[in-house]
């Protein structure tokens, strides 16, 4: 988004349908960017505590130094309602409801009935193909995926996904405006299951769980290897620039030697199935691949919140396109 268009871009009204943890976090991010936000509760129960959640997130943003104005100024740009007709002036509406197709279909109908014909509808889904969801709206070329990371207001990640019928110009419009949200957006031009991040991460999970299941490494050691190797450079350069640093010839030789040895199982690892069968829900009920006391769970949650703040600021020091001085 060009500088001279910034004020015009932030004058765009954005709608968010779904006021759970993710929806309220997205709302906070949009408010911080300067947008007026129309927040719609698809169910009366969603109204409960919604404004307080958003205020808490804005107050947290204030503590991290992200606010340029008092919290009250941002709240003044927020409308919370159960009435979909409030979306009539929105140029972009984001759906953040439960991953159930029938529920999403009803939400899209309610949105489509009131928005302008040139408005864009987006889903935060990470589970249902965009090409499937866009068939549920009357203007599928204006439907796309905008996949956020939690907490939305304190992470640089944003993944924009085209469905088979999405007009590329609408996805590029979202890419441009999202830079005003302090994001480093990625654009997936073709709708593939798992998008970019899930495909990369679940390939790692598959290999890690395979090593653990075969007794070749412990859970603790796999985590440590990822934290202190990849974790030491990934935020700066991603995975492919890392190859440039290592040397492509060396990387080629490693690929030749390691690829045949990697896990290619298409079934769910037994260790995961066993955990789920035992009702393990991870940190949420203190039982998972690791076990936690209540105090340990709280300590991890607090550490994660602090880390998000630290890494958000650190990433800003090293943008994806570093300036390079070319000397004669």
Protein backbone atom coordinates (compact mmCIF):
# COMPACT_ATOMS: atom_id res chain seq x y z
CA UNK A 1 0.00 0.00 0.00
CA UNK A 2 1.60 3.26 -1.10
CA UNK A 3 2.19 5.89 1.57
CA UNK A 4 -0.15 8.41 -0.02
CA UNK A 5 -2.96 5.84 0.13
CA UNK A 6 -2.46 4.94 3.78
CA UNK A 7 -5.13 7.28 5.16
CA UNK A 8 -7.61 6.14 2.52
CA UNK A 9 -6.81 2.47 3.20
CA UNK A 10 -7.29 2.81 6.94
CA UNK A 11 -10.63 4.50 6.28
CA UNK A 12 -11.89 1.12 5.05
CA UNK A 13 -14.42 -0.48 7.40
CA UNK A 14 -13.62 -4.12 8.22
CA UNK A 15 -16.06 -6.66 9.61
CA UNK A 16 -15.28 -9.69 11.78
CA UNK A 17 -17.88 -12.41 12.44
CA UNK A 18 -17.08 -14.57 15.45
CA UNK A 19 -15.95 -13.13 18.77
CA UNK A 20 -14.05 -16.01 20.31
CA UNK A 21 -10.37 -15.89 21.25
CA UNK A 22 -9.16 -15.72 17.65
CA UNK A 23 -11.87 -13.35 16.45
CA UNK A 24 -11.33 -10.88 19.29
CA UNK A 25 -7.56 -11.04 18.74
CA UNK A 26 -8.03 -10.19 15.03
CA UNK A 27 -10.34 -7.33 16.00
CA UNK A 28 -7.66 -5.94 18.33
CA UNK A 29 -5.09 -6.10 15.52
CA UNK A 30 -7.38 -4.25 13.10
CA UNK A 31 -8.21 -1.59 15.69
CA UNK A 32 -4.51 -1.07 16.39
CA UNK A 33 -4.00 -0.49 12.67
CA UNK A 34 -6.58 2.30 12.67
CA UNK A 35 -9.60 0.63 11.08
CA UNK A 36 -13.19 0.99 12.19
CA UNK A 37 -14.28 -2.57 12.97
CA UNK A 38 -17.76 -4.06 12.95
CA UNK A 39 -17.72 -7.12 15.21
CA UNK A 40 -20.65 -9.51 14.80
CA UNK A 41 -21.62 -12.19 17.30
CA UNK A 42 -23.24 -15.06 15.33
CA UNK A 43 -24.70 -16.41 18.59
CA UNK A 44 -25.99 -14.45 21.61
CA UNK A 45 -23.50 -16.31 23.83
CA UNK A 46 -20.63 -14.84 21.80
CA UNK A 47 -21.52 -11.40 23.12
CA UNK A 48 -20.65 -12.50 26.62
CA UNK A 49 -17.34 -11.00 27.63
CA UNK A 50 -16.42 -10.05 24.04
CA UNK A 51 -15.81 -6.36 24.67
CA UNK A 52 -13.81 -7.13 27.81
CA UNK A 53 -11.61 -9.61 25.90
CA UNK A 54 -10.88 -7.01 23.23
CA UNK A 55 -10.17 -4.35 25.84
CA UNK A 56 -7.82 -6.71 27.68
CA UNK A 57 -5.93 -7.35 24.43
CA UNK A 58 -5.67 -3.62 23.77
CA UNK A 59 -4.38 -3.05 27.31
CA UNK A 60 -1.83 -5.81 26.75
CA UNK A 61 -0.82 -4.04 23.52
CA UNK A 62 -0.37 -0.84 25.52
CA UNK A 63 2.07 -2.61 27.84
CA UNK A 64 4.10 -3.77 24.84
CA UNK A 65 4.30 -0.24 23.44
CA UNK A 66 2.08 -0.87 20.38
CA UNK A 67 -0.53 1.81 21.13
CA UNK A 68 -0.18 5.29 19.65
CA UNK A 69 -3.40 6.54 21.32
CA UNK A 70 -5.32 5.76 24.54
CA UNK A 71 -7.27 2.48 24.60
CA UNK A 72 -10.53 4.44 24.59
CA UNK A 73 -9.76 5.87 21.14
CA UNK A 74 -9.45 2.39 19.65
CA UNK A 75 -12.61 1.20 21.40
CA UNK A 76 -14.48 4.19 19.95
CA UNK A 77 -13.87 2.69 16.47
CA UNK A 78 -15.47 -0.62 17.47
CA UNK A 79 -19.10 -1.67 17.00
CA UNK A 80 -20.16 -4.96 18.61
CA UNK A 81 -23.54 -6.33 17.57
CA UNK A 82 -25.61 -9.39 16.75
CA UNK A 83 -27.16 -7.55 13.78
CA UNK A 84 -25.49 -8.49 10.47
CA UNK A 85 -26.93 -5.38 8.78
CA UNK A 86 -24.17 -3.39 10.51
CA UNK A 87 -21.77 -4.93 7.97
CA UNK A 88 -23.35 -2.98 5.08
CA UNK A 89 -20.45 -0.50 4.75
CA UNK A 90 -17.64 -3.05 5.10
CA UNK A 91 -15.21 -3.56 2.22
CA UNK A 92 -13.82 -6.70 3.84
CA UNK A 93 -15.56 -9.16 6.18
CA UNK A 94 -13.67 -11.95 7.96
CA UNK A 95 -15.35 -15.08 9.26
CA UNK A 96 -13.85 -16.63 12.41
CA UNK A 97 -16.41 -19.23 13.51
CA UNK A 98 -16.17 -22.91 14.37
CA UNK A 99 -14.86 -25.27 11.68
CA UNK A 100 -18.27 -26.74 10.82
CA UNK A 101 -19.35 -26.35 7.19
CA UNK A 102 -23.06 -25.93 7.92
CA UNK A 103 -22.42 -23.17 10.45
CA UNK A 104 -20.09 -21.35 8.07
CA UNK A 105 -22.67 -21.64 5.29
CA UNK A 106 -25.29 -19.93 7.43
CA UNK A 107 -22.83 -17.20 8.40
CA UNK A 108 -21.91 -16.55 4.75
CA UNK A 109 -25.56 -16.25 3.80
CA UNK A 110 -26.12 -13.70 6.57
CA UNK A 111 -23.05 -11.75 5.45
CA UNK A 112 -23.92 -11.91 1.73
CA UNK A 113 -27.44 -10.66 2.35
CA UNK A 114 -26.20 -7.30 3.65
CA UNK A 115 -22.76 -6.44 2.25
CA UNK A 116 -21.96 -4.43 -0.87
CA UNK A 117 -21.57 -6.35 -4.13
CA UNK A 118 -17.90 -5.33 -4.32
CA UNK A 119 -16.98 -6.40 -0.79
CA UNK A 120 -14.56 -9.26 -0.08
CA UNK A 121 -15.42 -12.16 2.24
CA UNK A 122 -12.57 -14.05 3.89
CA UNK A 123 -12.28 -17.04 6.20
CA UNK A 124 -9.70 -17.63 8.92
CA UNK A 125 -10.08 -21.38 8.45
CA UNK A 126 -7.04 -23.62 8.70
CA UNK A 127 -8.99 -26.84 8.11
CA UNK A 128 -11.51 -26.45 5.26
CA UNK A 129 -10.35 -25.77 1.67
CA UNK A 130 -11.08 -22.25 0.45
CA UNK A 131 -12.27 -23.75 -2.86
CA UNK A 132 -14.98 -25.58 -0.89
CA UNK A 133 -16.06 -22.58 1.15
CA UNK A 134 -16.22 -20.14 -1.77
CA UNK A 135 -18.93 -22.26 -3.40
CA UNK A 136 -21.20 -21.16 -0.54
CA UNK A 137 -21.24 -17.48 -1.61
CA UNK A 138 -22.74 -15.68 -4.59
CA UNK A 139 -19.46 -13.93 -5.57
CA UNK A 140 -16.84 -16.71 -5.23
CA UNK A 141 -14.19 -14.66 -7.05
CA UNK A 142 -14.27 -12.25 -4.07
CA UNK A 143 -13.81 -15.02 -1.49
CA UNK A 144 -10.41 -15.98 -0.08
CA UNK A 145 -8.63 -17.20 3.03
CA UNK A 146 -6.89 -14.96 5.55
CA UNK A 147 -5.19 -17.20 8.07
CA UNK A 148 -3.95 -15.39 11.19
CA UNK A 149 -1.72 -16.58 14.00
CA UNK A 150 -2.61 -16.16 17.68
CA UNK A 151 -2.26 -13.60 19.16
CA UNK A 152 -3.15 -11.76 15.95
CA UNK A 153 -2.09 -8.35 17.24
CA UNK A 154 1.36 -9.57 18.32
CA UNK A 155 2.51 -11.80 15.44
CA UNK A 156 3.80 -10.85 12.00
CA UNK A 157 2.41 -13.94 10.26
CA UNK A 158 -0.50 -13.72 7.82
CA UNK A 159 -1.32 -16.30 5.16
CA UNK A 160 -3.61 -15.29 2.28
CA UNK A 161 -4.99 -18.16 0.20
CA UNK A 162 -6.78 -18.13 -3.14
CA UNK A 163 -9.46 -20.67 -3.90
CA UNK A 164 -9.83 -22.05 -7.41
CA UNK A 165 -12.32 -19.27 -8.23
CA UNK A 166 -10.64 -16.38 -6.38
CA UNK A 167 -9.70 -13.34 -8.46
CA UNK A 168 -5.97 -12.76 -7.93
CA UNK A 169 -6.44 -8.98 -7.86
CA UNK A 170 -8.60 -9.28 -4.72
CA UNK A 171 -5.97 -11.41 -2.96
CA UNK A 172 -3.28 -8.89 -3.93
CA UNK A 173 -5.45 -6.08 -2.55
CA UNK A 174 -5.57 -7.89 0.80
CA UNK A 175 -1.80 -8.48 0.69
CA UNK A 176 -1.25 -4.74 0.20
CA UNK A 177 -3.59 -3.58 2.94
CA UNK A 178 -2.32 -6.21 5.38
CA UNK A 179 1.09 -4.55 5.40
CA UNK A 180 -0.61 -1.70 7.26
CA UNK A 181 -1.49 -4.28 9.92
CA UNK A 182 2.25 -4.79 10.61
CA UNK A 183 2.15 -8.18 8.90
CA UNK A 184 4.57 -9.98 6.59
CA UNK A 185 1.91 -11.62 4.38
CA UNK A 186 2.39 -14.71 2.26
CA UNK A 187 0.18 -15.40 -0.76
CA UNK A 188 -0.78 -18.92 -1.77
CA UNK A 189 -2.07 -18.65 -5.33
CA UNK A 190 -3.47 -22.17 -5.38
CA UNK A 191 -5.65 -23.70 -2.70
CA UNK A 192 -3.88 -26.77 -1.33
CA UNK A 193 -4.77 -28.69 1.81
CA UNK A 194 -2.90 -27.35 4.82
CA UNK A 195 -1.85 -24.12 3.07
CA UNK A 196 1.84 -23.24 3.48
CA UNK A 197 2.51 -23.25 7.22
CA UNK A 198 0.54 -26.36 8.14
CA UNK A 199 2.18 -28.38 5.36
CA UNK A 200 5.64 -27.35 6.52
CA UNK A 201 4.97 -27.85 10.22
CA UNK A 202 3.19 -31.19 9.89
CA UNK A 203 6.06 -32.52 7.78
CA UNK A 204 8.28 -31.66 10.76
CA UNK A 205 5.81 -33.25 13.19
CA UNK A 206 5.72 -36.44 11.14
CA UNK A 207 9.51 -36.78 11.11
CA UNK A 208 9.84 -35.85 14.80
CA UNK A 209 7.16 -38.28 15.94
CA UNK A 210 8.70 -41.01 13.79
CA UNK A 211 12.08 -40.54 15.50
CA UNK A 212 10.40 -40.67 18.91
CA UNK A 213 8.23 -43.67 18.07
CA UNK A 214 11.25 -45.66 16.84
CA UNK A 215 13.14 -44.86 20.04
CA UNK A 216 15.84 -43.00 18.12
CA UNK A 217 15.34 -39.77 20.07
CA UNK A 218 13.30 -38.52 23.02
CA UNK A 219 10.57 -35.89 22.85
CA UNK A 220 12.79 -33.56 24.88
CA UNK A 221 15.74 -33.95 22.50
CA UNK A 222 13.67 -33.43 19.34
CA UNK A 223 12.26 -30.24 20.84
CA UNK A 224 15.73 -29.08 21.89
CA UNK A 225 17.18 -29.75 18.44
CA UNK A 226 14.48 -27.64 16.82
CA UNK A 227 14.63 -24.84 19.39
CA UNK A 228 18.37 -24.34 19.42
CA UNK A 229 19.14 -24.98 15.75
CA UNK A 230 16.22 -23.77 13.63
CA UNK A 231 15.08 -21.51 16.45
CA UNK A 232 18.35 -19.57 16.31
CA UNK A 233 18.01 -18.42 12.68
CA UNK A 234 14.48 -19.01 11.41
CA UNK A 235 12.99 -15.63 12.36
CA UNK A 236 15.78 -13.84 10.50
CA UNK A 237 16.04 -15.75 7.24
CA UNK A 238 13.46 -18.51 6.81
CA UNK A 239 14.52 -21.88 5.41
CA UNK A 240 15.63 -21.16 1.84
CA UNK A 241 17.90 -18.20 2.53
CA UNK A 242 19.43 -20.50 5.16
CA UNK A 243 20.34 -22.85 2.28
CA UNK A 244 22.18 -19.98 0.61
CA UNK A 245 24.17 -19.46 3.80
CA UNK A 246 25.01 -23.16 4.14
CA UNK A 247 25.94 -23.47 0.47
CA UNK A 248 23.72 -25.03 -2.17
CA UNK A 249 26.22 -27.75 -3.11
CA UNK A 250 26.38 -28.95 0.50
CA UNK A 251 22.59 -28.75 0.77
CA UNK A 252 22.24 -30.82 -2.42
CA UNK A 253 24.43 -33.57 -0.99
CA UNK A 254 22.44 -33.62 2.26
CA UNK A 255 19.18 -33.84 0.30
CA UNK A 256 20.51 -36.80 -1.69
CA UNK A 257 21.57 -38.63 1.45
CA UNK A 258 18.68 -37.78 3.79
CA UNK A 259 15.59 -37.79 1.53
CA UNK A 260 15.50 -41.60 1.16
CA UNK A 261 15.64 -41.96 4.95
CA UNK A 262 12.77 -39.61 5.84
CA UNK A 263 9.42 -40.85 7.07
CA UNK A 264 6.73 -40.98 4.37
CA UNK A 265 3.94 -42.59 6.42
CA UNK A 266 0.42 -41.55 5.43
CA UNK A 267 -1.17 -42.73 8.67
CA UNK A 268 -1.47 -40.89 11.98
CA UNK A 269 1.45 -41.78 14.29
CA UNK A 270 0.34 -44.27 16.95
CA UNK A 271 1.69 -42.05 19.74
CA UNK A 272 -0.71 -39.26 18.75
CA UNK A 273 -3.69 -41.57 18.50
CA UNK A 274 -2.92 -43.02 21.94
CA UNK A 275 -2.72 -39.54 23.48
CA UNK A 276 -6.07 -38.49 22.01
CA UNK A 277 -7.69 -41.78 23.05
CA UNK A 278 -6.58 -41.02 26.63
CA UNK A 279 -8.34 -37.64 26.44
CA UNK A 280 -5.02 -35.79 26.50
CA UNK A 281 -5.53 -32.18 25.38
CA UNK A 282 -2.08 -30.86 26.08
CA UNK A 283 -1.65 -27.79 28.24
CA UNK A 284 -5.42 -27.29 28.32
CA UNK A 285 -5.96 -30.24 30.66
CA UNK A 286 -2.33 -30.69 31.81
CA UNK A 287 -1.91 -33.99 29.92
CA UNK A 288 -0.17 -34.26 26.58
CA UNK A 289 3.15 -35.25 25.07
CA UNK A 290 4.46 -33.54 28.20
CA UNK A 291 2.69 -33.43 31.56
CA UNK A 292 2.16 -30.22 33.49
CA UNK A 293 1.19 -29.10 36.95
CA UNK A 294 -1.21 -26.15 37.08
CA UNK A 295 1.67 -23.86 38.02
CA UNK A 296 3.82 -25.13 35.16
CA UNK A 297 0.99 -24.57 32.67
CA UNK A 298 0.58 -20.98 33.88
CA UNK A 299 4.33 -20.42 33.69
CA UNK A 300 4.40 -21.67 30.07
CA UNK A 301 1.45 -19.45 29.14
CA UNK A 302 3.15 -16.42 30.70
CA UNK A 303 6.44 -17.25 28.98
CA UNK A 304 4.69 -17.64 25.62
CA UNK A 305 3.00 -14.25 26.02
CA UNK A 306 6.33 -12.60 26.84
CA UNK A 307 8.10 -14.42 24.01
CA UNK A 308 5.46 -13.25 21.49
CA UNK A 309 6.15 -9.69 22.55
CA UNK A 310 9.91 -10.14 22.29
CA UNK A 311 9.91 -11.90 18.92
CA UNK A 312 7.42 -9.38 17.45
CA UNK A 313 9.84 -6.57 18.26
CA UNK A 314 12.91 -8.55 17.21
CA UNK A 315 11.41 -9.43 13.80
CA UNK A 316 10.73 -5.72 13.18
CA UNK A 317 14.49 -5.07 13.37
CA UNK A 318 15.14 -7.53 10.54
CA UNK A 319 12.53 -7.08 7.78
CA UNK A 320 12.26 -9.74 5.07
CA UNK A 321 13.93 -7.43 2.53
CA UNK A 322 17.10 -6.15 4.17
CA UNK A 323 18.68 -3.10 2.48
CA UNK A 324 21.89 -4.06 0.70
CA UNK A 325 24.64 -1.55 -0.09
CA UNK A 326 26.18 -2.37 -3.48
CA UNK A 327 29.74 -1.09 -3.76
CA UNK A 328 31.45 -0.46 -7.10
